[in-house]
Protein backbone atom coordinates (compact mmCIF):
# COMPACT_ATOMS: atom_id res chain seq x y z
CA MET A 1 0.00 0.00 0.00
CA ASP A 2 1.65 3.21 -1.10
CA ILE A 3 0.99 6.79 0.02
CA THR A 4 -1.48 7.52 -2.78
CA GLU A 5 -3.78 4.66 -1.79
CA SER A 6 -3.53 5.66 1.90
CA LEU A 7 -4.43 9.27 1.12
CA PHE A 8 -7.33 8.17 -1.08
CA GLN A 9 -8.63 5.86 1.65
CA ALA A 10 -8.23 8.60 4.28
CA THR A 11 -10.09 11.09 2.08
CA THR A 12 -12.86 8.58 1.44
CA LEU A 13 -13.28 7.84 5.16
CA PHE A 14 -13.20 11.56 5.93
CA GLY A 15 -15.89 12.26 3.32
CA ILE A 16 -18.12 9.43 4.51
CA GLY A 17 -17.75 10.49 8.16
CA MET A 18 -18.44 14.15 7.50
CA GLY A 19 -21.37 13.26 5.24
CA PHE A 20 -22.87 11.11 7.98
CA VAL A 21 -22.46 13.86 10.59
CA PHE A 22 -23.91 16.47 8.24
CA SER A 23 -26.88 14.23 7.42
CA PHE A 24 -27.54 13.42 11.08
CA LEU A 25 -27.45 17.06 12.12
CA GLY A 26 -29.71 18.03 9.21
CA LEU A 27 -32.27 15.39 10.19
CA LEU A 28 -32.05 16.51 13.82
CA LEU A 29 -32.70 20.11 12.78
CA ILE A 30 -35.71 19.06 10.70
CA ALA A 31 -37.09 16.95 13.57
CA VAL A 32 -36.74 19.85 16.04
CA LYS A 33 -38.45 22.26 13.65
CA LEU A 34 -41.33 19.83 13.10
CA MET A 35 -41.71 19.23 16.82
CA ALA A 36 -41.76 22.98 17.47
CA LYS A 37 -44.46 23.39 14.84
CA TYR A 38 -46.80 20.52 15.76
CA ILE A 39 -46.28 19.92 19.48
CA PRO A 40 -47.75 22.72 21.60
CA ALA A 41 -45.52 24.34 24.17
CA ASP A 42 -46.44 24.26 27.82
CA GLU A 43 -48.41 27.24 29.01
CA PRO A 44 -46.40 29.29 31.49
CA THR A 45 -47.95 29.28 34.91
CA ILE A 46 -48.66 32.76 36.19
CA LYS A 47 -48.71 33.06 39.93
CA LYS A 48 -51.24 35.45 41.31
CA ARG A 49 -49.61 38.09 43.42
CA THR A 50 -51.20 38.61 46.75
CA PRO A 51 -50.97 42.17 47.98
CA GLN A 52 -48.68 42.41 50.95
CA LYS A 53 -49.88 44.08 54.06
CA LYS A 54 -48.31 47.43 54.64
CA VAL A 55 -46.80 48.05 58.03
CA ALA A 56 -48.50 50.92 59.72
CA THR A 57 -46.03 53.64 60.51
CA THR A 58 -46.83 56.12 63.16
CA ALA A 59 -44.89 58.89 64.75
CA ASN A 60 -44.47 56.81 67.93
CA SER A 61 -42.97 53.76 66.19
CA GLU A 62 -39.46 54.17 67.58
CA ILE A 63 -37.21 51.27 68.51
CA ASN A 64 -37.28 50.46 72.17
CA PRO A 65 -33.94 51.51 73.80
CA GLN A 66 -34.00 48.36 75.94
CA ILE A 67 -33.99 46.21 72.78
CA ILE A 68 -31.01 48.18 71.42
CA ALA A 69 -29.15 47.66 74.70
CA ALA A 70 -29.88 43.91 74.65
CA ILE A 71 -28.66 43.54 71.06
CA THR A 72 -25.50 45.55 71.80
CA CYS A 73 -24.75 43.42 74.85
CA ALA A 74 -25.24 40.20 72.85
CA VAL A 75 -22.92 41.37 70.07
CA GLN A 76 -20.21 42.36 72.58
CA GLN A 77 -20.43 38.96 74.28
CA TYR A 78 -20.23 37.23 70.89
CA HIS A 79 -17.08 39.17 69.99
CA LYS A 80 -15.48 38.36 73.36
CA ALA A 81 -16.22 34.65 72.92
CA ASP A 82 -14.96 34.74 69.34
CA THR A 83 -11.54 36.22 70.23
CA VAL A 84 -10.87 33.84 73.14
């Protein structure tokens, strides 16, 4: 087997392989297009939004200073425990 026969065989195999891949991808494209045309898509589900309750704001809605002191104390104790 000389180089000419090897190159001819390689070219033939390359052509057959690429032809098969091209044909397969073409058929796949046609199948997808037909499926998109004849098979209906799922309807998107739309969730009904429930109106959220608004928090009533008044002039007296301040944060309790005792709650602020408790949170500050807890954070300080956390930092002390974290560094030890």
